[in-house]
C-alpha atoms as a PDB file:
ATOM      1  CA  MET A   1     -12.252   7.418 -29.082  1.00  0.00           C
ATOM      2  CA  PRO A   2     -10.869   4.331 -27.321  1.00  0.00           C
ATOM      3  CA  ALA A   3      -8.212   4.500 -24.639  1.00  0.00           C
ATOM      4  CA  ALA A   4      -4.690   3.271 -25.351  1.00  0.00           C
ATOM      5  CA  TYR A   5      -2.545   1.059 -23.176  1.00  0.00           C
ATOM      6  CA  MET A   6       1.204   0.980 -22.856  1.00  0.00           C
ATOM      7  CA  ILE A   7       2.437  -2.428 -21.722  1.00  0.00           C
ATOM      8  CA  VAL A   8       5.969  -2.394 -20.379  1.00  0.00           C
ATOM      9  CA  THR A   9       8.124  -5.336 -19.346  1.00  0.00           C
ATOM     10  CA  MET A  10      11.440  -4.700 -17.706  1.00  0.00           C
ATOM     11  CA  HIS A  11      14.208  -5.960 -15.477  1.00  0.00           C
ATOM     12  CA  ILE A  12      15.433  -3.300 -13.090  1.00  0.00           C
ATOM     13  CA  THR A  13      19.103  -3.746 -12.215  1.00  0.00           C
ATOM     14  CA  ASP A  14      19.748  -0.447 -10.428  1.00  0.00           C
ATOM     15  CA  PRO A  15      16.757   0.374  -8.201  1.00  0.00           C
ATOM     16  CA  GLU A  16      18.194   3.679  -6.962  1.00  0.00           C
ATOM     17  CA  GLN A  17      18.754   4.971 -10.508  1.00  0.00           C
ATOM     18  CA  TYR A  18      15.312   3.689 -11.542  1.00  0.00           C
ATOM     19  CA  LYS A  19      13.682   5.631  -8.681  1.00  0.00           C
ATOM     20  CA  LYS A  20      15.047   8.848 -10.226  1.00  0.00           C
ATOM     21  CA  TYR A  21      13.422   7.925 -13.532  1.00  0.00           C
ATOM     22  CA  MET A  22      10.091   6.993 -11.897  1.00  0.00           C
ATOM     23  CA  ALA A  23       9.907  10.204  -9.877  1.00  0.00           C
ATOM     24  CA  GLU A  24       9.803  12.231 -13.078  1.00  0.00           C
ATOM     25  CA  ALA A  25       8.073   9.700 -15.337  1.00  0.00           C
ATOM     26  CA  GLN A  26       4.983   9.452 -13.186  1.00  0.00           C
ATOM     27  CA  VAL A  27       4.551  13.251 -13.201  1.00  0.00           C
ATOM     28  CA  ALA A  28       4.907  13.320 -17.004  1.00  0.00           C
ATOM     29  CA  VAL A  29       2.449  10.432 -17.433  1.00  0.00           C
ATOM     30  CA  GLN A  30      -0.159  12.248 -15.344  1.00  0.00           C
ATOM     31  CA  ALA A  31       0.432  15.520 -17.216  1.00  0.00           C
ATOM     32  CA  ALA A  32      -0.263  13.644 -20.479  1.00  0.00           C
ATOM     33  CA  GLY A  33      -3.575  12.349 -19.112  1.00  0.00           C
ATOM     34  CA  GLY A  34      -2.186   8.900 -18.401  1.00  0.00           C
ATOM     35  CA  GLU A  35      -2.393   6.714 -15.333  1.00  0.00           C
ATOM     36  CA  TYR A  36      -0.688   3.596 -14.055  1.00  0.00           C
ATOM     37  CA  LEU A  37      -2.997   0.585 -13.864  1.00  0.00           C
ATOM     38  CA  VAL A  38      -0.246  -1.905 -13.025  1.00  0.00           C
ATOM     39  CA  ARG A  39       3.179  -1.138 -11.626  1.00  0.00           C
ATOM     40  CA  GLY A  40       4.938  -4.256 -10.445  1.00  0.00           C
ATOM     41  CA  GLY A  41       3.025  -6.725  -8.351  1.00  0.00           C
ATOM     42  CA  ARG A  42       2.539 -10.443  -8.575  1.00  0.00           C
ATOM     43  CA  HIS A  43       2.489 -11.921 -12.083  1.00  0.00           C
ATOM     44  CA  GLU A  44       3.116 -15.178 -13.895  1.00  0.00           C
ATOM     45  CA  THR A  45       3.506 -16.309 -17.487  1.00  0.00           C
ATOM     46  CA  LEU A  46       0.521 -18.438 -18.436  1.00  0.00           C
ATOM     47  CA  GLU A  47       1.580 -19.194 -22.023  1.00  0.00           C
ATOM     48  CA  GLY A  48       4.561 -18.496 -24.224  1.00  0.00           C
ATOM     49  CA  ASP A  49       8.212 -17.745 -23.608  1.00  0.00           C
ATOM     50  CA  SER A  50       7.965 -14.309 -22.026  1.00  0.00           C
ATOM     51  CA  HIS A  51       9.235 -14.192 -18.442  1.00  0.00           C
ATOM     52  CA  PRO A  52       9.415 -10.521 -17.498  1.00  0.00           C
ATOM     53  CA  HIS A  53      10.909  -9.545 -14.190  1.00  0.00           C
ATOM     54  CA  ARG A  54       8.437  -6.655 -13.776  1.00  0.00           C
ATOM     55  CA  VAL A  55       5.326  -5.501 -15.668  1.00  0.00           C
ATOM     56  CA  ALA A  56       3.677  -2.073 -15.875  1.00  0.00           C
ATOM     57  CA  ILE A  57       0.500  -1.096 -17.710  1.00  0.00           C
ATOM     58  CA  LEU A  58      -0.430   2.518 -18.325  1.00  0.00           C
ATOM     59  CA  ARG A  59      -3.694   3.862 -19.735  1.00  0.00           C
ATOM     60  CA  PHE A  60      -3.911   7.026 -21.831  1.00  0.00           C
ATOM     61  CA  PRO A  61      -7.068   8.745 -23.102  1.00  0.00           C
ATOM     62  CA  SER A  62      -6.206   7.849 -26.718  1.00  0.00           C
ATOM     63  CA  TYR A  63      -3.524   6.309 -28.904  1.00  0.00           C
ATOM     64  CA  GLU A  64      -2.597   9.800 -30.091  1.00  0.00           C
ATOM     65  CA  ALA A  65      -2.188  11.060 -26.512  1.00  0.00           C
ATOM     66  CA  ALA A  66       0.084   8.131 -25.665  1.00  0.00           C
ATOM     67  CA  LYS A  67       2.201   8.665 -28.789  1.00  0.00           C
ATOM     68  CA  ALA A  68       2.464  12.394 -28.080  1.00  0.00           C
ATOM     69  CA  PHE A  69       3.652  11.589 -24.550  1.00  0.00           C
ATOM     70  CA  TYR A  70       6.224   9.034 -25.703  1.00  0.00           C
ATOM     71  CA  ASP A  71       7.498  11.051 -28.683  1.00  0.00           C
ATOM     72  CA  ASP A  72       7.786  14.383 -26.828  1.00  0.00           C
ATOM     73  CA  PRO A  73      11.407  15.399 -27.461  1.00  0.00           C
ATOM     74  CA  ALA A  74      11.499  17.935 -24.643  1.00  0.00           C
ATOM     75  CA  GLU A  75       9.855  16.011 -21.825  1.00  0.00           C
ATOM     76  CA  TYR A  76       9.814  12.213 -22.006  1.00  0.00           C
ATOM     77  CA  ALA A  77      12.951  11.957 -24.148  1.00  0.00           C
ATOM     78  CA  ARG A  78      14.778  13.794 -21.359  1.00  0.00           C
ATOM     79  CA  ILE A  79      13.214  11.598 -18.666  1.00  0.00           C
ATOM     80  CA  ARG A  80      14.109   8.364 -20.525  1.00  0.00           C
ATOM     81  CA  LYS A  81      17.768   9.320 -20.181  1.00  0.00           C
ATOM     82  CA  LEU A  82      17.375   9.010 -16.401  1.00  0.00           C
ATOM     83  CA  ARG A  83      16.654   5.307 -16.936  1.00  0.00           C
ATOM     84  CA  ALA A  84      19.932   4.683 -18.771  1.00  0.00           C
ATOM     85  CA  GLY A  85      21.855   1.903 -17.033  1.00  0.00           C
ATOM     86  CA  ALA A  86      19.026   1.152 -14.591  1.00  0.00           C
ATOM     87  CA  THR A  87      17.489  -1.766 -16.501  1.00  0.00           C
ATOM     88  CA  GLU A  88      18.727  -4.882 -18.240  1.00  0.00           C
ATOM     89  CA  TYR A  89      15.814  -4.470 -20.644  1.00  0.00           C
ATOM     90  CA  PHE A  90      12.796  -2.178 -20.954  1.00  0.00           C
ATOM     91  CA  ASP A  91      10.290  -3.192 -23.623  1.00  0.00           C
ATOM     92  CA  ALA A  92       7.216  -1.046 -24.277  1.00  0.00           C
ATOM     93  CA  VAL A  93       4.262  -1.840 -26.539  1.00  0.00           C
ATOM     94  CA  LEU A  94       1.423   0.577 -27.274  1.00  0.00           C
ATOM     95  CA  VAL A  95      -1.979  -0.879 -28.099  1.00  0.00           C
ATOM     96  CA  GLU A  96      -5.303   0.781 -28.772  1.00  0.00           C
ATOM     97  CA  GLY A  97      -8.222  -0.423 -26.696  1.00  0.00           C
ATOM     98  CA  VAL A  98     -11.629  -1.378 -28.010  1.00  0.00           C
ATOM     99  CA  ALA A  99     -14.040   1.416 -28.874  1.00  0.00           C
ATOM    100  CA  ALA A 100     -16.960  -0.172 -27.042  1.00  0.00           C
ATOM    101  CA  PRO A 101     -17.488  -3.105 -24.697  1.00  0.00           C
ATOM    102  CA  MET A 102     -17.921  -6.424 -26.488  1.00  0.00           C
ATOM    103  CA  PHE A 103     -20.792  -7.514 -24.230  1.00  0.00           C
END
């Protein structure tokens, strides 16, 4: 079963409020078997019109595990509320990885 990746672009406007969200989000991600591969850092747009302020990439063991994490009404739904008002935008895309290396 291939891993799944959550690609998030955001613009944080209230860093102190966002820190409250991240403190709990990272614990929930780990509990769901996920890990952060990218969390901020240097980036640039090479093609297209996307110009995110910040990028994060998370890896989960499977697409189903990532969906279960995101859709959990008791845990992540509660944690998402901590992010309210802390970002101008927060866009998340879930994509399934390849089942086997291409080479």
